[in-house]
Amino acid sequence: MFAQTERRLFTTKEYHQMAEAGILAEDDRTELIQGEIVAMSPIGVRHAACVNRLTEALSHYFSGKAIISVQNPLQIDEYTELQPDVMLLQRREDYYVRALLAGKDVLLLIEVSDSTLVYDRVTKLPLYAHAQIPEVWLVNLVDNLLEVYRAPQGDEYTEFRRVYRQDTAVPLTFPNTPIPANNLIP
């Protein structure tokens, strides 16, 4: 005899209630992906250094032009809330105190990928495309390059480009701001 089981998926509201109730601690590294609570990989030394490097570089180039958000939640839909490494957000006077960030607020999203490279490409990129985030950069620490994804359509990006250390990366929303890739990749 075969018993069919059913998964219980959580909403972002329930996910937040679990944190408020202490079921999920503030320092628990989790994300809500399509209703399932997923443990995130521990942050390694090189990953942390890269996030620090990105934060400093983006602050230099975009201070006063965009809000730089580091490892903060991004609600994709009712069942998905991720914590990208770095995002450039549209400027708002309230700094998003009234609501969680949504895809429409993101100008550029950056994930630092080492042990999570395949997961970021296969699981997270389609979610970002679905949320219509116009541009995602994966800092690929495995191959020491930057992967640039643009033009979301459905659950995929239709434009892809590799940027090597000796090249420059130019954010879509800031076409007059070329950034040397070696400032982004440790």
N, C-alpha and C. Protein backbone atom coordinates (compact mmCIF):
# COMPACT_ATOMS: atom_id res chain seq x y z
N MET A 1 0.83 -1.17 0.00
CA MET A 1 0.00 0.00 0.00
C MET A 1 0.89 1.25 0.00
N PHE A 2 0.54 2.22 -0.80
CA PHE A 2 1.32 3.46 -0.94
C PHE A 2 0.55 4.62 -0.34
N ALA A 3 1.16 5.30 0.61
CA ALA A 3 0.53 6.47 1.22
C ALA A 3 1.10 7.73 0.60
N GLN A 4 0.24 8.54 0.07
CA GLN A 4 0.69 9.79 -0.55
C GLN A 4 0.79 10.86 0.53
N THR A 5 1.92 11.53 0.55
CA THR A 5 2.12 12.60 1.53
C THR A 5 1.97 13.94 0.85
N GLU A 6 1.62 14.92 1.63
CA GLU A 6 1.45 16.27 1.10
C GLU A 6 2.37 17.20 1.86
N ARG A 7 3.05 18.06 1.14
CA ARG A 7 3.93 19.04 1.76
C ARG A 7 3.12 20.20 2.29
N ARG A 8 3.58 20.76 3.37
CA ARG A 8 2.98 21.97 3.94
C ARG A 8 3.90 23.12 3.59
N LEU A 9 3.48 23.98 2.70
CA LEU A 9 4.27 25.11 2.28
C LEU A 9 3.92 26.32 3.12
N PHE A 10 4.93 27.12 3.42
CA PHE A 10 4.76 28.31 4.25
C PHE A 10 4.71 29.56 3.39
N THR A 11 3.95 30.54 3.83
CA THR A 11 3.93 31.85 3.18
C THR A 11 5.00 32.72 3.82
N THR A 12 5.29 33.83 3.19
CA THR A 12 6.27 34.75 3.79
C THR A 12 5.74 35.30 5.11
N LYS A 13 4.44 35.49 5.21
CA LYS A 13 3.85 35.96 6.47
C LYS A 13 4.08 34.94 7.59
N GLU A 14 3.85 33.68 7.31
CA GLU A 14 4.09 32.63 8.30
C GLU A 14 5.57 32.51 8.64
N TYR A 15 6.41 32.68 7.66
CA TYR A 15 7.86 32.64 7.85
C TYR A 15 8.29 33.73 8.84
N HIS A 16 7.74 34.92 8.69
CA HIS A 16 8.05 36.02 9.61
C HIS A 16 7.48 35.75 11.00
N GLN A 17 6.30 35.14 11.05
CA GLN A 17 5.70 34.80 12.35
C GLN A 17 6.57 33.79 13.10
N MET A 18 7.19 32.86 12.37
CA MET A 18 8.09 31.89 13.00
C MET A 18 9.30 32.60 13.61
N ALA A 19 9.80 33.60 12.93
CA ALA A 19 10.92 34.37 13.47
C ALA A 19 10.50 35.15 14.70
N GLU A 20 9.33 35.79 14.63
CA GLU A 20 8.83 36.55 15.77
C GLU A 20 8.57 35.66 16.98
N ALA A 21 8.15 34.42 16.76
CA ALA A 21 7.87 33.49 17.85
C ALA A 21 9.13 32.81 18.38
N GLY A 22 10.26 33.04 17.73
CA GLY A 22 11.52 32.43 18.17
C GLY A 22 11.78 31.06 17.60
N ILE A 23 10.91 30.59 16.71
CA ILE A 23 11.14 29.28 16.07
C ILE A 23 12.36 29.38 15.16
N LEU A 24 12.48 30.49 14.47
CA LEU A 24 13.68 30.80 13.68
C LEU A 24 14.39 31.94 14.39
N ALA A 25 15.64 31.74 14.73
CA ALA A 25 16.41 32.79 15.38
C ALA A 25 16.89 33.81 14.35
N GLU A 26 17.15 35.03 14.80
CA GLU A 26 17.58 36.10 13.89
C GLU A 26 18.86 35.74 13.16
N ASP A 27 19.73 34.98 13.82
CA ASP A 27 21.00 34.63 13.18
C ASP A 27 20.94 33.29 12.44
N ASP A 28 19.76 32.66 12.38
CA ASP A 28 19.60 31.47 11.54
C ASP A 28 19.75 31.90 10.09
N ARG A 29 20.55 31.17 9.35
CA ARG A 29 20.75 31.49 7.94
C ARG A 29 19.79 30.65 7.11
N THR A 30 18.60 31.20 6.89
CA THR A 30 17.59 30.49 6.11
C THR A 30 16.99 31.42 5.06
N GLU A 31 16.41 30.80 4.06
CA GLU A 31 15.62 31.51 3.06
C GLU A 31 14.34 30.71 2.85
N LEU A 32 13.31 31.39 2.41
CA LEU A 32 12.05 30.74 2.07
C LEU A 32 11.99 30.65 0.55
N ILE A 33 12.03 29.43 0.04
CA ILE A 33 12.05 29.23 -1.41
C ILE A 33 10.85 28.38 -1.80
N GLN A 34 9.92 29.02 -2.49
CA GLN A 34 8.70 28.38 -2.96
C GLN A 34 8.00 27.61 -1.83
N GLY A 35 7.91 28.28 -0.66
CA GLY A 35 7.19 27.74 0.47
C GLY A 35 7.99 26.85 1.40
N GLU A 36 9.22 26.50 1.04
CA GLU A 36 10.06 25.64 1.86
C GLU A 36 11.16 26.45 2.52
N ILE A 37 11.40 26.18 3.78
CA ILE A 37 12.49 26.85 4.50
C ILE A 37 13.77 26.09 4.19
N VAL A 38 14.74 26.81 3.64
CA VAL A 38 15.98 26.20 3.18
C VAL A 38 17.14 26.80 3.97
N ALA A 39 17.99 25.93 4.52
CA ALA A 39 19.18 26.39 5.23
C ALA A 39 20.20 26.86 4.20
N MET A 40 20.77 28.03 4.47
CA MET A 40 21.78 28.58 3.58
C MET A 40 23.16 28.05 3.99
N SER A 41 24.06 28.00 3.03
CA SER A 41 25.43 27.58 3.31
C SER A 41 26.11 28.59 4.23
N PRO A 42 27.01 28.12 5.08
CA PRO A 42 27.78 29.07 5.90
C PRO A 42 28.61 29.99 5.01
N ILE A 43 28.82 31.19 5.48
CA ILE A 43 29.62 32.15 4.71
C ILE A 43 31.10 31.91 4.99
N GLY A 44 31.83 31.62 3.93
CA GLY A 44 33.27 31.40 4.06
C GLY A 44 34.03 32.71 4.03
N VAL A 45 35.31 32.64 4.30
CA VAL A 45 36.17 33.83 4.39
C VAL A 45 36.21 34.58 3.06
N ARG A 46 36.41 33.87 1.96
CA ARG A 46 36.51 34.53 0.65
C ARG A 46 35.17 35.16 0.26
N HIS A 47 34.09 34.46 0.56
CA HIS A 47 32.75 34.98 0.28
C HIS A 47 32.52 36.28 1.06
N ALA A 48 32.84 36.27 2.35
CA ALA A 48 32.66 37.46 3.18
C ALA A 48 33.52 38.61 2.68
N ALA A 49 34.75 38.31 2.31
CA ALA A 49 35.65 39.34 1.79
C ALA A 49 35.09 39.94 0.50
N CYS A 50 34.52 39.09 -0.34
CA CYS A 50 33.95 39.57 -1.60
C CYS A 50 32.75 40.48 -1.34
N VAL A 51 31.89 40.12 -0.39
CA VAL A 51 30.74 40.97 -0.05
C VAL A 51 31.23 42.32 0.47
N ASN A 52 32.26 42.30 1.31
CA ASN A 52 32.84 43.56 1.80
C ASN A 52 33.40 44.40 0.66
N ARG A 53 34.08 43.75 -0.25
CA ARG A 53 34.66 44.43 -1.41
C ARG A 53 33.57 45.05 -2.28
N LEU A 54 32.51 44.27 -2.54
CA LEU A 54 31.39 44.77 -3.33
C LEU A 54 30.74 45.97 -2.66
N THR A 55 30.53 45.88 -1.36
CA THR A 55 29.89 46.96 -0.61
C THR A 55 30.71 48.24 -0.72
N GLU A 56 32.00 48.13 -0.55
CA GLU A 56 32.86 49.31 -0.65
C GLU A 56 32.86 49.88 -2.07
N ALA A 57 32.99 49.02 -3.07
CA ALA A 57 33.02 49.48 -4.47
C ALA A 57 31.70 50.14 -4.85
N LEU A 58 30.58 49.51 -4.52
CA LEU A 58 29.29 50.07 -4.88
C LEU A 58 29.01 51.37 -4.13
N SER A 59 29.48 51.45 -2.89
CA SER A 59 29.33 52.71 -2.13
C SER A 59 30.09 53.83 -2.83
N HIS A 60 31.27 53.51 -3.32
CA HIS A 60 32.08 54.51 -4.03
C HIS A 60 31.37 55.00 -5.29
N TYR A 61 30.83 54.09 -6.07
CA TYR A 61 30.24 54.45 -7.36
C TYR A 61 28.81 54.98 -7.26
N PHE A 62 28.04 54.52 -6.27
CA PHE A 62 26.60 54.80 -6.28
C PHE A 62 26.07 55.51 -5.05
N SER A 63 26.95 56.02 -4.21
CA SER A 63 26.49 56.77 -3.05
C SER A 63 25.65 57.96 -3.50
N GLY A 64 24.46 58.07 -2.95
CA GLY A 64 23.55 59.15 -3.32
C GLY A 64 22.72 58.86 -4.57
N LYS A 65 23.06 57.80 -5.30
CA LYS A 65 22.33 57.45 -6.52
C LYS A 65 21.40 56.26 -6.31
N ALA A 66 21.76 55.37 -5.39
CA ALA A 66 20.98 54.16 -5.12
C ALA A 66 21.23 53.76 -3.67
N ILE A 67 20.33 52.98 -3.13
CA ILE A 67 20.52 52.42 -1.80
C ILE A 67 21.24 51.09 -1.95
N ILE A 68 22.27 50.88 -1.17
CA ILE A 68 23.02 49.63 -1.21
C ILE A 68 22.53 48.77 -0.05
N SER A 69 21.98 47.62 -0.38
CA SER A 69 21.41 46.71 0.60
C SER A 69 22.27 45.45 0.65
N VAL A 70 22.76 45.10 1.84
CA VAL A 70 23.67 43.97 2.00
C VAL A 70 23.00 42.88 2.82
N GLN A 71 22.86 41.71 2.20
CA GLN A 71 22.32 40.51 2.83
C GLN A 71 21.02 40.76 3.58
N ASN A 72 20.11 41.49 2.93
CA ASN A 72 18.79 41.79 3.48
C ASN A 72 17.73 41.04 2.69
N PRO A 73 16.56 40.84 3.30
CA PRO A 73 15.51 40.05 2.65
C PRO A 73 14.90 40.74 1.43
N LEU A 74 14.52 39.91 0.47
CA LEU A 74 13.85 40.35 -0.74
C LEU A 74 12.67 39.41 -0.97
N GLN A 75 11.46 39.94 -0.90
CA GLN A 75 10.28 39.11 -1.11
C GLN A 75 10.01 39.01 -2.61
N ILE A 76 10.06 37.78 -3.11
CA ILE A 76 9.82 37.52 -4.52
C ILE A 76 8.32 37.39 -4.80
N ASP A 77 7.65 36.64 -3.94
CA ASP A 77 6.20 36.46 -4.03
C ASP A 77 5.70 35.99 -2.67
N GLU A 78 4.49 35.51 -2.60
CA GLU A 78 3.88 35.12 -1.32
C GLU A 78 4.60 33.94 -0.66
N TYR A 79 5.35 33.15 -1.44
CA TYR A 79 5.99 31.95 -0.92
C TYR A 79 7.52 31.97 -1.01
N THR A 80 8.09 33.07 -1.40
CA THR A 80 9.54 33.12 -1.57
C THR A 80 10.13 34.42 -1.05
N GLU A 81 11.10 34.28 -0.15
CA GLU A 81 11.85 35.41 0.36
C GLU A 81 13.31 35.00 0.44
N LEU A 82 14.14 35.69 -0.30
CA LEU A 82 15.56 35.37 -0.39
C LEU A 82 16.40 36.45 0.29
N GLN A 83 17.68 36.14 0.49
CA GLN A 83 18.61 37.11 1.05
C GLN A 83 19.83 37.22 0.14
N PRO A 84 19.69 37.99 -0.93
CA PRO A 84 20.84 38.17 -1.83
C PRO A 84 22.00 38.83 -1.10
N ASP A 85 23.19 38.63 -1.63
CA ASP A 85 24.36 39.21 -0.98
C ASP A 85 24.35 40.73 -1.02
N VAL A 86 24.11 41.31 -2.20
CA VAL A 86 24.12 42.77 -2.33
C VAL A 86 23.07 43.16 -3.37
N MET A 87 22.39 44.26 -3.10
CA MET A 87 21.45 44.80 -4.09
C MET A 87 21.63 46.31 -4.17
N LEU A 88 21.46 46.85 -5.37
CA LEU A 88 21.30 48.28 -5.57
C LEU A 88 19.81 48.51 -5.72
N LEU A 89 19.28 49.38 -4.88
CA LEU A 89 17.85 49.64 -4.86
C LEU A 89 17.53 51.05 -5.32
N GLN A 90 16.34 51.22 -5.84
CA GLN A 90 15.88 52.57 -6.15
C GLN A 90 15.86 53.38 -4.86
N ARG A 91 16.25 54.62 -4.96
CA ARG A 91 16.26 55.48 -3.76
C ARG A 91 14.84 55.77 -3.31
N ARG A 92 14.64 55.70 -2.01
CA ARG A 92 13.38 56.08 -1.38
C ARG A 92 13.70 56.79 -0.08
N GLU A 93 12.95 57.82 0.21
CA GLU A 93 13.18 58.59 1.44
C GLU A 93 13.06 57.75 2.69
N ASP A 94 12.15 56.79 2.69
CA ASP A 94 11.92 55.98 3.90
C ASP A 94 12.86 54.78 4.00
N TYR A 95 13.76 54.60 3.04
CA TYR A 95 14.70 53.48 3.02
C TYR A 95 13.99 52.13 3.18
N TYR A 96 12.77 52.04 2.67
CA TYR A 96 11.98 50.82 2.65
C TYR A 96 11.54 50.37 4.05
N VAL A 97 11.29 51.29 4.93
CA VAL A 97 10.85 50.94 6.28
C VAL A 97 9.39 50.50 6.30
N ARG A 98 8.61 50.89 5.31
CA ARG A 98 7.18 50.59 5.32
C ARG A 98 6.83 49.21 4.77
N ALA A 99 7.72 48.58 4.03
CA ALA A 99 7.41 47.27 3.45
C ALA A 99 8.70 46.57 3.04
N LEU A 100 8.61 45.24 2.91
CA LEU A 100 9.75 44.48 2.42
C LEU A 100 10.02 44.86 0.97
N LEU A 101 11.25 44.69 0.59
CA LEU A 101 11.64 44.94 -0.79
C LEU A 101 10.94 43.96 -1.71
N ALA A 102 10.67 44.40 -2.91
CA ALA A 102 10.12 43.54 -3.95
C ALA A 102 10.98 43.70 -5.20
N GLY A 103 10.79 42.83 -6.16
CA GLY A 103 11.58 42.84 -7.39
C GLY A 103 11.60 44.19 -8.08
N LYS A 104 10.48 44.91 -8.07
CA LYS A 104 10.39 46.20 -8.76
C LYS A 104 11.32 47.26 -8.15
N ASP A 105 11.79 47.03 -6.93
CA ASP A 105 12.65 47.99 -6.24
C ASP A 105 14.13 47.80 -6.58
N VAL A 106 14.47 46.66 -7.16
CA VAL A 106 15.86 46.28 -7.37
C VAL A 106 16.37 46.74 -8.72
N LEU A 107 17.46 47.49 -8.70
CA LEU A 107 18.13 47.92 -9.93
C LEU A 107 19.16 46.90 -10.38
N LEU A 108 19.87 46.34 -9.41
CA LEU A 108 20.92 45.35 -9.66
C LEU A 108 21.00 44.44 -8.45
N LEU A 109 21.06 43.15 -8.68
CA LEU A 109 21.19 42.17 -7.61
C LEU A 109 22.48 41.41 -7.82
N ILE A 110 23.24 41.20 -6.76
CA ILE A 110 24.52 40.49 -6.86
C ILE A 110 24.55 39.34 -5.86
N GLU A 111 24.86 38.16 -6.36
CA GLU A 111 25.09 36.99 -5.53
C GLU A 111 26.57 36.62 -5.64
N VAL A 112 27.18 36.31 -4.52
CA VAL A 112 28.55 35.80 -4.50
C VAL A 112 28.44 34.29 -4.45
N SER A 113 29.03 33.63 -5.44
CA SER A 113 28.84 32.18 -5.60
C SER A 113 30.17 31.45 -5.56
N ASP A 114 30.28 30.58 -4.60
CA ASP A 114 31.42 29.68 -4.54
C ASP A 114 30.89 28.26 -4.49
N SER A 115 30.64 27.72 -3.30
CA SER A 115 30.06 26.38 -3.19
C SER A 115 28.61 26.36 -3.65
N THR A 116 27.98 27.53 -3.80
CA THR A 116 26.56 27.62 -4.18
C THR A 116 26.36 27.95 -5.65
N LEU A 117 27.39 27.90 -6.45
CA LEU A 117 27.31 28.36 -7.84
C LEU A 117 26.19 27.67 -8.63
N VAL A 118 26.13 26.37 -8.60
CA VAL A 118 25.10 25.65 -9.36
C VAL A 118 23.72 25.97 -8.79
N TYR A 119 23.59 25.99 -7.47
CA TYR A 119 22.32 26.31 -6.83
C TYR A 119 21.85 27.72 -7.20
N ASP A 120 22.77 28.67 -7.19
CA ASP A 120 22.40 30.05 -7.56
C ASP A 120 21.93 30.12 -9.01
N ARG A 121 22.59 29.40 -9.90
CA ARG A 121 22.19 29.40 -11.31
C ARG A 121 20.86 28.69 -11.54
N VAL A 122 20.69 27.54 -10.93
CA VAL A 122 19.54 26.68 -11.22
C VAL A 122 18.30 27.06 -10.41
N THR A 123 18.47 27.44 -9.16
CA THR A 123 17.33 27.72 -8.29
C THR A 123 17.02 29.21 -8.16
N LYS A 124 18.03 30.01 -7.87
CA LYS A 124 17.78 31.42 -7.58
C LYS A 124 17.58 32.28 -8.82
N LEU A 125 18.38 32.08 -9.85
CA LEU A 125 18.24 32.91 -11.07
C LEU A 125 16.83 32.88 -11.64
N PRO A 126 16.20 31.70 -11.78
CA PRO A 126 14.82 31.70 -12.29
C PRO A 126 13.85 32.49 -11.40
N LEU A 127 14.07 32.47 -10.09
CA LEU A 127 13.22 33.24 -9.18
C LEU A 127 13.42 34.73 -9.39
N TYR A 128 14.66 35.14 -9.57
CA TYR A 128 14.95 36.56 -9.82
C TYR A 128 14.36 37.01 -11.16
N ALA A 129 14.47 36.14 -12.17
CA ALA A 129 13.89 36.47 -13.48
C ALA A 129 12.38 36.58 -13.36
N HIS A 130 11.77 35.65 -12.65
CA HIS A 130 10.31 35.67 -12.46
C HIS A 130 9.87 36.97 -11.77
N ALA A 131 10.70 37.48 -10.87
CA ALA A 131 10.40 38.74 -10.16
C ALA A 131 10.72 39.97 -11.01
N GLN A 132 11.18 39.75 -12.24
CA GLN A 132 11.49 40.82 -13.18
C GLN A 132 12.62 41.73 -12.70
N ILE A 133 13.59 41.17 -12.00
CA ILE A 133 14.77 41.93 -11.61
C ILE A 133 15.60 42.10 -12.88
N PRO A 134 15.84 43.34 -13.29
CA PRO A 134 16.41 43.58 -14.63
C PRO A 134 17.82 43.06 -14.84
N GLU A 135 18.59 42.95 -13.77
CA GLU A 135 19.99 42.53 -13.93
C GLU A 135 20.48 41.83 -12.68
N VAL A 136 21.13 40.68 -12.90
CA VAL A 136 21.74 39.91 -11.80
C VAL A 136 23.18 39.65 -12.17
N TRP A 137 24.06 39.89 -11.21
CA TRP A 137 25.46 39.54 -11.36
C TRP A 137 25.77 38.41 -10.39
N LEU A 138 26.39 37.34 -10.90
CA LEU A 138 26.94 36.30 -10.05
C LEU A 138 28.45 36.48 -10.04
N VAL A 139 28.99 36.76 -8.86
CA VAL A 139 30.43 36.81 -8.73
C VAL A 139 30.85 35.35 -8.56
N ASN A 140 31.36 34.79 -9.63
CA ASN A 140 31.72 33.38 -9.69
C ASN A 140 33.13 33.22 -9.13
N LEU A 141 33.20 32.82 -7.85
CA LEU A 141 34.50 32.67 -7.20
C LEU A 141 35.20 31.38 -7.60
N VAL A 142 34.48 30.47 -8.25
CA VAL A 142 35.08 29.22 -8.72
C VAL A 142 35.97 29.51 -9.92
N ASP A 143 35.46 30.30 -10.88
CA ASP A 143 36.20 30.60 -12.11
C ASP A 143 36.79 32.01 -12.11
N ASN A 144 36.62 32.76 -11.01
CA ASN A 144 37.15 34.11 -10.86
C ASN A 144 36.70 35.04 -11.98
N LEU A 145 35.39 35.11 -12.15
CA LEU A 145 34.82 36.00 -13.15
C LEU A 145 33.43 36.44 -12.70
N LEU A 146 32.87 37.37 -13.43
CA LEU A 146 31.55 37.88 -13.15
C LEU A 146 30.61 37.40 -14.25
N GLU A 147 29.47 36.82 -13.86
CA GLU A 147 28.45 36.41 -14.81
C GLU A 147 27.34 37.45 -14.77
N VAL A 148 27.01 38.03 -15.90
CA VAL A 148 26.00 39.08 -15.99
C VAL A 148 24.77 38.52 -16.70
N TYR A 149 23.63 38.61 -16.02
CA TYR A 149 22.35 38.15 -16.56
C TYR A 149 21.42 39.34 -16.69
N ARG A 150 20.80 39.48 -17.87
CA ARG A 150 19.89 40.59 -18.13
C ARG A 150 18.67 40.11 -18.93
N ALA A 151 17.72 41.01 -19.06
CA ALA A 151 16.52 40.81 -19.88
C ALA A 151 15.71 39.59 -19.42
N PRO A 152 15.09 39.70 -18.23
CA PRO A 152 14.29 38.59 -17.75
C PRO A 152 13.05 38.38 -18.62
N GLN A 153 12.76 37.12 -18.87
CA GLN A 153 11.57 36.75 -19.62
C GLN A 153 11.06 35.45 -19.01
N GLY A 154 9.89 35.52 -18.38
CA GLY A 154 9.38 34.34 -17.69
C GLY A 154 10.29 34.02 -16.52
N ASP A 155 10.81 32.79 -16.51
CA ASP A 155 11.69 32.34 -15.43
C ASP A 155 13.15 32.24 -15.87
N GLU A 156 13.53 33.02 -16.87
CA GLU A 156 14.93 32.97 -17.31
C GLU A 156 15.39 34.33 -17.81
N TYR A 157 16.70 34.46 -17.87
CA TYR A 157 17.30 35.67 -18.43
C TYR A 157 17.71 35.35 -19.86
N THR A 158 17.42 36.27 -20.76
CA THR A 158 17.68 36.01 -22.18
C THR A 158 19.04 36.54 -22.63
N GLU A 159 19.69 37.33 -21.79
CA GLU A 159 21.03 37.82 -22.12
C GLU A 159 22.01 37.36 -21.05
N PHE A 160 23.15 36.88 -21.49
CA PHE A 160 24.19 36.39 -20.59
C PHE A 160 25.55 36.84 -21.11
N ARG A 161 26.41 37.25 -20.19
CA ARG A 161 27.75 37.69 -20.56
C ARG A 161 28.71 37.37 -19.44
N ARG A 162 29.91 36.96 -19.79
CA ARG A 162 30.99 36.76 -18.81
C ARG A 162 31.88 38.00 -18.82
N VAL A 163 32.23 38.46 -17.64
CA VAL A 163 33.13 39.60 -17.51
C VAL A 163 34.34 39.12 -16.72
N TYR A 164 35.51 39.24 -17.34
CA TYR A 164 36.75 38.77 -16.71
C TYR A 164 37.41 39.92 -15.94
N ARG A 165 38.36 39.55 -15.09
CA ARG A 165 39.01 40.54 -14.21
C ARG A 165 39.55 41.77 -14.94
N GLN A 166 40.08 41.59 -16.13
CA GLN A 166 40.67 42.71 -16.86
C GLN A 166 39.62 43.58 -17.57
N ASP A 167 38.35 43.14 -17.53
CA ASP A 167 37.28 43.86 -18.21
C ASP A 167 36.55 44.79 -17.23
N THR A 168 35.56 45.49 -17.76
CA THR A 168 34.71 46.33 -16.92
C THR A 168 33.27 45.84 -16.99
N ALA A 169 32.57 46.05 -15.89
CA ALA A 169 31.14 45.73 -15.83
C ALA A 169 30.39 47.06 -15.79
N VAL A 170 29.32 47.14 -16.54
CA VAL A 170 28.54 48.37 -16.60
C VAL A 170 27.10 48.03 -16.22
N PRO A 171 26.63 48.52 -15.07
CA PRO A 171 25.25 48.24 -14.69
C PRO A 171 24.26 48.82 -15.70
N LEU A 172 23.26 48.06 -16.00
CA LEU A 172 22.23 48.46 -16.96
C LEU A 172 21.61 49.81 -16.63
N THR A 173 21.29 50.03 -15.35
CA THR A 173 20.62 51.27 -14.96
C THR A 173 21.57 52.45 -14.78
N PHE A 174 22.88 52.19 -14.84
CA PHE A 174 23.88 53.26 -14.75
C PHE A 174 24.89 53.08 -15.88
N PRO A 175 24.46 53.31 -17.13
CA PRO A 175 25.32 53.02 -18.28
C PRO A 175 26.58 53.87 -18.36
N ASN A 176 26.65 54.95 -17.62
CA ASN A 176 27.84 55.81 -17.64
C ASN A 176 28.77 55.53 -16.47
N THR A 177 28.59 54.36 -15.84
CA THR A 177 29.41 54.01 -14.67
C THR A 177 30.08 52.66 -14.87
N PRO A 178 31.15 52.62 -15.65
CA PRO A 178 31.87 51.35 -15.80
C PRO A 178 32.66 51.05 -14.52
N ILE A 179 32.63 49.80 -14.12
CA ILE A 179 33.35 49.38 -12.90
C ILE A 179 34.38 48.32 -13.29
N PRO A 180 35.64 48.54 -12.98
CA PRO A 180 36.64 47.50 -13.27
C PRO A 180 36.28 46.22 -12.51
N ALA A 181 36.23 45.11 -13.22
CA ALA A 181 35.84 43.84 -12.59
C ALA A 181 36.81 43.43 -11.50
N ASN A 182 38.07 43.82 -11.62
CA ASN A 182 39.01 43.45 -10.57
C ASN A 182 38.72 44.18 -9.25
N ASN A 183 37.85 45.20 -9.27
CA ASN A 183 37.38 45.84 -8.02
C ASN A 183 36.29 45.01 -7.35
N LEU A 184 35.72 44.04 -8.07
CA LEU A 184 34.59 43.27 -7.59
C LEU A 184 34.95 41.84 -7.22
N ILE A 185 35.98 41.30 -7.85
CA ILE A 185 36.36 39.89 -7.66
C ILE A 185 37.63 39.84 -6.84
N PRO A 186 37.58 39.21 -5.66
CA PRO A 186 38.81 39.13 -4.83
C PRO A 186 39.83 38.19 -5.41
